[in-house]
Protein backbone atom coordinates (compact mmCIF):
# COMPACT_ATOMS: atom_id res chain seq x y z
CA MET A 1 -29.78 26.73 -22.82
CA VAL A 2 -28.46 23.28 -22.67
CA GLU A 3 -25.00 22.02 -23.64
CA PRO A 4 -25.50 19.12 -25.86
CA VAL A 5 -25.20 15.36 -23.76
CA GLN A 6 -22.19 14.42 -25.71
CA GLU A 7 -20.07 17.04 -25.97
CA ILE A 8 -20.10 17.17 -22.10
CA ARG A 9 -19.77 13.39 -22.28
CA ALA A 10 -15.77 14.37 -24.20
CA ALA A 11 -15.48 16.98 -21.70
CA VAL A 12 -15.37 14.41 -18.83
CA GLU A 13 -13.81 11.77 -21.01
CA ARG A 14 -10.84 14.03 -21.28
CA TYR A 15 -10.32 14.63 -17.45
CA THR A 16 -7.01 13.06 -16.43
CA ASP A 17 -7.02 11.65 -12.63
CA PRO A 18 -4.22 12.82 -10.41
CA TYR A 19 -3.81 9.74 -9.45
CA LEU A 20 -3.75 7.51 -12.53
CA GLY A 21 -2.35 10.20 -14.49
CA GLN A 22 -4.52 9.10 -17.41
CA THR A 23 -7.44 10.45 -18.47
CA LEU A 24 -11.03 8.54 -17.52
CA ALA A 25 -11.58 7.24 -21.02
CA GLU A 26 -7.84 5.51 -21.06
CA ALA A 27 -8.89 4.34 -17.86
CA GLY A 28 -12.74 2.95 -19.08
CA ALA A 29 -13.50 4.40 -16.08
CA LEU A 30 -17.34 5.73 -16.86
CA ALA A 31 -19.97 2.97 -16.48
CA ASP A 32 -22.57 5.40 -16.49
CA LEU A 33 -23.33 8.99 -17.78
CA ARG A 34 -26.22 11.06 -17.85
CA VAL A 35 -26.55 15.26 -18.37
CA HIS A 36 -29.81 16.27 -16.68
CA GLY A 37 -29.93 19.81 -16.90
CA ASN A 38 -26.81 21.20 -15.53
CA VAL A 39 -26.39 18.17 -12.98
CA ILE A 40 -24.46 15.17 -14.47
CA GLU A 41 -24.89 11.88 -13.14
CA GLY A 42 -24.09 8.50 -13.39
CA SER A 43 -21.28 6.39 -12.13
CA VAL A 44 -17.04 6.45 -12.98
CA GLU A 45 -14.81 3.46 -11.63
CA LEU A 46 -11.34 4.02 -10.26
CA GLY A 47 -9.01 0.97 -10.13
CA PHE A 48 -8.13 2.20 -6.05
CA PRO A 49 -9.77 2.54 -2.67
CA VAL A 50 -12.10 6.29 -3.02
CA GLY A 51 -13.29 6.00 0.43
CA GLY A 52 -12.54 9.87 1.02
CA TYR A 53 -11.77 10.60 -2.26
CA VAL A 54 -15.54 11.45 -3.39
CA ASP A 55 -15.53 15.43 -3.14
CA GLN A 56 -11.99 16.22 -4.31
CA PHE A 57 -12.73 14.35 -7.11
CA ARG A 58 -16.07 16.31 -7.95
CA SER A 59 -14.54 19.40 -6.71
CA ALA A 60 -11.63 18.66 -9.41
CA LEU A 61 -13.92 17.21 -12.45
CA ALA A 62 -16.77 20.50 -11.98
CA GLN A 63 -13.67 22.82 -12.68
CA HIS A 64 -12.30 20.40 -15.05
CA LEU A 65 -15.36 21.67 -17.26
CA ALA A 66 -15.96 25.01 -16.37
CA ALA A 67 -12.36 25.64 -18.00
CA ALA A 68 -13.59 23.30 -20.84
CA GLY A 69 -16.39 25.75 -21.45
CA PHE A 70 -19.11 24.01 -19.46
CA PRO A 71 -19.53 26.58 -16.26
CA GLY A 72 -21.94 26.36 -13.68
CA VAL A 73 -22.05 22.55 -14.18
CA ARG A 74 -22.99 20.29 -11.00
CA VAL A 75 -21.05 16.73 -10.60
CA ALA A 76 -23.45 14.61 -9.11
CA VAL A 77 -21.28 11.42 -10.34
CA GLU A 78 -20.76 8.19 -7.68
CA LEU A 79 -17.10 7.23 -7.33
CA ARG A 80 -16.67 3.21 -6.85
CA ALA A 81 -13.82 1.04 -6.75
CA ALA A 82 -13.20 -1.24 -9.66
CA ILE A 83 -10.06 -3.20 -8.05
CA ALA A 84 -8.50 -5.77 -10.04
CA THR A 85 -6.51 -8.87 -10.04
CA HIS A 86 -2.86 -7.88 -11.45
CA SER A 87 -0.25 -9.91 -13.11
CA VAL A 88 2.71 -11.82 -10.64
CA GLN A 89 6.33 -13.17 -11.07
CA ARG A 90 6.19 -16.52 -13.25
CA PRO A 91 5.61 -19.45 -12.45
CA LEU A 92 3.84 -18.46 -9.21
CA LYS A 93 0.25 -18.06 -9.44
CA PRO A 94 -1.74 -15.22 -7.31
CA LEU A 95 -3.09 -16.39 -3.68
CA PRO A 96 -6.61 -17.68 -4.18
CA GLY A 97 -8.75 -14.86 -2.38
CA VAL A 98 -5.84 -12.58 -2.16
CA SER A 99 -6.35 -9.89 -5.27
CA ASN A 100 -2.81 -8.29 -4.72
CA VAL A 101 0.07 -8.77 -2.70
CA ILE A 102 1.99 -5.62 -2.81
CA ALA A 103 6.16 -6.21 -0.82
CA VAL A 104 6.79 -3.27 0.98
CA ALA A 105 10.97 -3.25 1.23
CA SER A 106 13.75 -1.29 2.20
CA GLY A 107 17.71 -1.35 1.62
CA LYS A 108 18.44 -1.48 5.02
CA GLY A 109 16.82 -1.39 8.36
CA GLY A 110 15.66 2.38 9.94
CA VAL A 111 13.93 4.00 7.29
CA GLY A 112 10.84 3.31 8.72
CA LYS A 113 9.62 0.59 6.60
CA SER A 114 7.12 -1.01 9.02
CA THR A 115 5.44 2.16 9.71
CA VAL A 116 5.10 3.10 6.37
CA ALA A 117 3.54 -0.97 5.61
CA VAL A 118 1.17 -0.64 8.25
CA ASN A 119 0.03 2.58 7.72
CA LEU A 120 -0.35 2.00 3.58
CA ALA A 121 -2.98 -0.99 4.62
CA LEU A 122 -4.89 1.00 7.40
CA ALA A 123 -5.33 3.61 4.17
CA TRP A 124 -6.76 1.02 2.15
CA ALA A 125 -9.08 -0.22 4.79
CA ALA A 126 -10.14 2.87 5.92
CA ALA A 127 -10.71 4.06 2.01
CA GLY A 128 -12.95 0.55 1.78
CA ALA A 129 -10.98 -2.42 0.72
CA ARG A 130 -10.69 -5.16 1.56
CA VAL A 131 -6.89 -5.48 3.29
CA GLY A 132 -4.47 -7.74 5.36
CA ILE A 133 -0.99 -7.36 6.38
CA LEU A 134 1.66 -10.52 7.00
CA ASP A 135 4.65 -9.36 9.11
CA ALA A 136 7.75 -10.64 7.16
CA ASP A 137 10.33 -10.01 9.71
CA ILE A 138 10.72 -13.21 11.38
CA TYR A 139 13.38 -11.70 13.67
CA GLY A 140 12.09 -8.96 14.24
CA PRO A 141 8.58 -8.82 14.52
CA SER A 142 6.94 -5.34 14.69
CA GLN A 143 3.27 -5.17 13.22
CA PRO A 144 1.93 -6.91 17.04
CA LEU A 145 3.23 -3.86 18.81
CA MET A 146 2.07 -0.69 15.97
CA LEU A 147 -1.34 -2.95 15.20
CA GLY A 148 -2.15 -3.57 19.61
CA LEU A 149 -2.07 -7.16 18.90
CA GLU A 150 0.74 -7.95 21.54
CA GLY A 151 0.41 -10.89 23.36
CA GLU A 152 -2.94 -12.36 20.96
CA ARG A 153 -2.50 -15.66 19.36
CA PRO A 154 -4.69 -16.64 16.12
CA THR A 155 -6.25 -19.88 16.12
CA ALA A 156 -6.57 -23.12 13.94
CA PRO A 157 -9.95 -24.17 14.11
CA ASP A 158 -9.77 -27.06 11.57
CA GLY A 159 -6.27 -27.74 12.71
CA LYS A 160 -4.79 -26.49 9.63
CA HIS A 161 -5.31 -23.28 8.41
CA LEU A 162 -4.58 -20.11 11.06
CA GLU A 163 -7.16 -17.22 11.58
CA PRO A 164 -5.78 -13.74 11.01
CA LEU A 165 -6.25 -11.53 14.28
CA GLU A 166 -7.91 -8.19 13.22
CA ALA A 167 -6.81 -4.98 14.37
CA HIS A 168 -8.60 -1.02 13.09
CA GLY A 169 -10.20 -3.33 10.20
CA VAL A 170 -7.15 -5.11 8.64
CA LYS A 171 -6.50 -9.14 8.98
CA ALA A 172 -3.08 -9.79 10.70
CA MET A 173 -0.24 -12.11 10.80
CA SER A 174 2.97 -12.30 12.19
CA ILE A 175 5.52 -14.62 13.59
CA GLY A 176 5.02 -12.78 16.84
CA PHE A 177 2.13 -14.01 17.26
CA LEU A 178 3.08 -17.96 17.40
CA VAL A 179 7.08 -17.01 19.40
CA ASP A 180 7.39 -15.85 23.23
CA PRO A 181 8.57 -12.28 22.23
CA ALA A 182 11.16 -12.76 24.68
CA GLN A 183 12.93 -15.44 22.48
CA ALA A 184 15.69 -14.96 19.46
CA VAL A 185 14.38 -16.96 16.35
CA VAL A 186 17.50 -18.23 15.66
CA TRP A 187 16.55 -19.92 12.39
CA ARG A 188 19.06 -19.95 9.47
CA GLY A 189 17.39 -18.58 5.85
CA PRO A 190 16.08 -21.61 4.82
CA MET A 191 13.66 -22.33 8.12
CA VAL A 192 13.10 -18.57 7.86
CA THR A 193 11.58 -18.51 4.32
CA GLN A 194 10.04 -21.69 4.79
CA ALA A 195 8.25 -20.47 8.15
CA LEU A 196 6.97 -17.07 6.06
CA THR A 197 5.80 -19.62 2.78
CA GLN A 198 4.17 -21.41 5.33
CA LEU A 199 2.90 -18.34 7.46
CA LEU A 200 1.41 -16.66 3.61
CA GLY A 201 -0.22 -20.10 2.17
CA ASP A 202 -1.87 -21.36 5.42
CA THR A 203 -3.56 -18.23 6.89
CA SER A 204 -7.17 -18.52 5.98
CA TRP A 205 -6.64 -14.32 4.65
CA GLY A 206 -10.52 -14.95 2.38
CA GLU A 207 -11.16 -12.49 -0.18
CA LEU A 208 -8.58 -9.48 -0.03
CA ASP A 209 -8.43 -6.59 -2.66
CA TYR A 210 -4.73 -6.30 -0.77
CA LEU A 211 -2.00 -7.90 1.16
CA VAL A 212 0.36 -6.06 2.58
CA VAL A 213 3.60 -8.06 3.03
CA ASP A 214 6.03 -5.98 5.46
CA MET A 215 8.83 -7.53 3.84
CA PRO A 216 12.46 -8.00 6.32
CA PRO A 217 15.67 -5.23 5.62
CA GLY A 218 18.10 -5.99 3.30
CA THR A 219 18.80 -7.78 0.59
CA GLY A 220 20.12 -11.31 0.84
CA ASP A 221 19.51 -14.44 0.45
CA ILE A 222 16.36 -14.34 3.00
CA GLN A 223 14.93 -11.26 0.69
CA LEU A 224 15.44 -12.59 -2.48
CA THR A 225 14.13 -16.15 -1.60
CA LEU A 226 10.96 -14.66 -0.68
CA ALA A 227 10.74 -12.42 -3.94
CA GLN A 228 10.92 -15.59 -5.35
CA ARG A 229 8.57 -17.19 -3.60
CA VAL A 230 5.80 -14.80 -2.57
CA PRO A 231 3.28 -14.05 -5.70
CA VAL A 232 4.03 -10.09 -5.97
CA ALA A 233 1.60 -8.24 -7.86
CA GLY A 234 3.97 -4.77 -7.12
CA ALA A 235 6.70 -3.76 -4.58
CA VAL A 236 7.12 -0.17 -3.04
CA ILE A 237 10.75 0.98 -1.97
CA VAL A 238 10.68 2.34 1.51
CA THR A 239 13.79 4.62 1.79
CA THR A 240 14.88 7.99 3.65
CA PRO A 241 16.37 11.01 1.74
CA GLN A 242 20.28 10.17 2.89
CA ASP A 243 23.30 8.94 0.37
CA ILE A 244 23.42 5.96 2.18
CA ALA A 245 20.15 5.13 2.80
CA LEU A 246 19.11 5.60 -0.87
CA ALA A 247 22.33 3.39 -1.82
CA ASP A 248 21.03 0.65 -0.12
CA ALA A 249 17.53 1.15 -1.74
CA ARG A 250 19.32 1.10 -5.48
CA LYS A 251 20.27 -2.34 -4.52
CA GLY A 252 16.51 -3.33 -2.69
CA LEU A 253 15.40 -2.33 -6.83
CA ALA A 254 17.72 -4.72 -8.47
CA MET A 255 16.37 -7.39 -6.51
CA PHE A 256 12.68 -6.69 -6.95
CA GLU A 257 13.99 -6.47 -11.40
CA LYS A 258 16.22 -10.10 -10.91
CA VAL A 259 13.01 -11.89 -9.83
CA ALA A 260 10.70 -9.53 -12.03
CA VAL A 261 8.60 -8.18 -9.62
CA PRO A 262 7.61 -4.81 -10.65
CA VAL A 263 8.41 -1.74 -8.44
CA LEU A 264 5.58 0.42 -8.30
CA GLY A 265 7.52 3.27 -6.95
CA ILE A 266 9.90 5.06 -4.20
CA VAL A 267 8.44 6.21 -1.03
CA GLU A 268 11.09 8.87 1.05
CA ASN A 269 10.17 8.59 4.82
CA MET A 270 11.98 11.10 7.38
CA SER A 271 11.92 13.68 4.50
CA VAL A 272 11.08 16.99 6.43
CA TYR A 273 10.99 17.78 10.26
CA HIS A 274 8.26 20.55 10.98
CA CYS A 275 9.07 21.95 14.77
CA PRO A 276 5.55 22.27 16.50
CA ASN A 277 7.15 25.19 18.92
CA CYS A 278 8.05 27.38 16.10
CA GLY A 279 7.27 26.61 12.63
CA HIS A 280 10.95 26.25 11.49
CA VAL A 281 11.54 23.60 8.79
CA GLU A 282 14.31 21.36 9.03
CA HIS A 283 15.31 18.29 5.96
CA ILE A 284 17.19 16.59 8.83
CA PHE A 285 18.32 13.64 6.64
CA GLY A 286 18.84 15.61 2.82
CA ALA A 287 16.03 16.51 0.20
CA GLY A 288 14.88 15.33 -2.95
CA GLY A 289 16.90 11.72 -2.44
CA GLY A 290 13.94 9.74 -3.35
CA GLN A 291 12.78 12.19 -5.98
CA ARG A 292 16.59 12.09 -7.56
CA LEU A 293 16.17 7.55 -7.24
CA ALA A 294 12.64 7.57 -8.88
CA GLN A 295 13.86 9.14 -11.95
CA GLU A 296 16.81 7.33 -12.08
CA ALA A 297 14.74 3.73 -11.99
CA GLY A 298 12.32 5.33 -14.06
CA VAL A 299 9.48 4.74 -11.98
CA HIS A 300 6.92 7.00 -9.90
CA LEU A 301 7.57 9.20 -6.26
CA LEU A 302 4.35 7.07 -4.44
CA GLY A 303 5.07 9.33 -1.17
CA VAL A 304 7.17 12.27 0.63
CA LEU A 305 6.26 11.44 4.66
CA PRO A 306 7.02 13.46 7.38
CA LEU A 307 9.61 13.02 10.12
CA ASP A 308 7.21 13.31 13.38
CA ALA A 309 7.52 11.83 16.70
CA ARG A 310 3.90 11.78 16.89
CA ILE A 311 3.82 9.11 14.39
CA ARG A 312 6.54 7.00 16.37
CA ALA A 313 4.35 7.27 19.00
CA GLU A 314 1.02 6.37 17.68
CA ALA A 315 2.56 3.24 16.08
CA ASP A 316 4.17 2.41 19.68
CA GLY A 317 0.86 3.05 21.33
CA GLY A 318 -1.00 0.51 18.83
CA ALA A 319 -3.23 2.59 16.86
CA PRO A 320 -0.91 4.30 13.83
CA THR A 321 -1.33 7.73 12.80
CA VAL A 322 -3.66 6.82 9.51
CA VAL A 323 -6.21 5.60 12.63
CA SER A 324 -5.44 7.78 15.59
CA ALA A 325 -4.34 11.24 13.74
CA ALA A 326 -7.36 11.04 11.01
CA GLY A 327 -7.28 14.17 8.84
CA THR A 328 -4.13 15.63 10.42
CA PRO A 329 -1.50 16.81 7.98
CA ARG A 330 1.06 13.61 8.62
CA ALA A 331 -2.04 10.74 8.11
CA MET A 332 -2.96 12.49 5.30
CA ALA A 333 0.72 12.18 3.70
CA TYR A 334 -0.10 8.27 4.39
CA VAL A 335 -3.54 9.12 2.73
CA GLU A 336 -1.79 10.37 -0.38
CA MET A 337 0.79 7.43 -0.54
CA ALA A 338 -1.77 4.63 -0.54
CA ARG A 339 -3.75 6.37 -3.38
CA HIS A 340 -0.78 6.91 -5.44
CA THR A 341 0.52 3.41 -5.21
CA ALA A 342 -3.00 1.98 -5.48
CA ALA A 343 -3.50 3.86 -9.08
CA THR A 344 0.21 3.17 -9.70
CA LEU A 345 -0.69 -0.05 -9.35
CA ALA A 346 -4.04 -0.17 -11.63
CA ARG A 347 -2.02 1.05 -14.32
CA ARG A 348 -0.88 -2.06 -14.74
CA GLY A 349 -2.45 -5.09 -17.13
CA ARG A 350 -4.89 -7.25 -15.19
CA ASP A 351 -4.64 -10.74 -14.70
CA ARG A 352 -7.13 -13.15 -16.77
CA ARG A 353 -6.09 -16.15 -16.83
CA GLY A 354 10.08 -30.80 4.39
CA SER A 355 13.26 -30.67 5.82
CA PHE A 356 12.18 -27.62 7.40
CA PRO A 357 10.20 -27.03 10.40
CA GLU A 358 6.84 -26.44 10.25
CA ILE A 359 4.45 -23.97 12.94
CA VAL A 360 2.76 -25.87 14.45
CA VAL A 361 -0.31 -24.54 16.35
CA GLU A 362 -1.43 -26.11 19.68
CA ASP A 363 -4.12 -25.89 22.16
CA THR A 364 -2.58 -24.27 25.65
């Protein structure tokens, strides 16, 4: 006996996506739904990149339908991404062509923020999104090394706008592409913020779903000024589990709150070490700190990432974990973090509506 279409549709609408934390009805995700015998067809639109998620989604929806009294139903729906442009802090406006700027920040250095930022960008790109990354750490740019772009220089075909470099499907811009890596950048804070806002605004990013900004560590004047000048749709705070890192991460949360930038959540990096020889599990920097901070702040815990020497080696080699070790548990931890981050952003409302040095690109 074929079940009535309306009953099956109602059951599908009640399915809660684990990343959005919403039912498909609440998310407005059912673009189309057709039932032919025991096969469900049509299309579902989610507000985050869905590459690599289709089989998991279909399987979970089929299990949900079986529990709802519709066993044996085969789910063959098409899964599509519908990535919206989200509002930014006032009085700023979103960058032309860039749907969402995501700031990845930390209250202190040494917590792996840049590694998280580059793997976040690469995970979104691997899932089908159009992604760029801006290395905003003027004093210690690391993205050229991590993306395998050391020694490369961007061009400026019109003499005004920089063409970003590209690696692993991600567009990239960094002060490291424009200065001698052996020379220290000795600039005061206002000079740094001027350079960064120019790098952001004068780069021809094209059409992007996400632009990841790898922020400089800390919560001082430079970071605060950047948070005020860069039109950010959401921020991600990276920490390690130990108390001293958590104390500084709280300052990062407070900084973004001060400038009305929503914090999407916390990423706990270097959470656990799995010995590759004996399998022993050790929480070297403590356990559960990121979860406690997220609960205190009322934000999401977006990811719990492992402490693994291979992650460091992969980033240093110019092919970060998401691309060099795709499908491994350590890479999937970043993929999960990226989905949770994009889905958390998707739940937000859609947006409808000269005294400092300039960077000059010269032909050499």
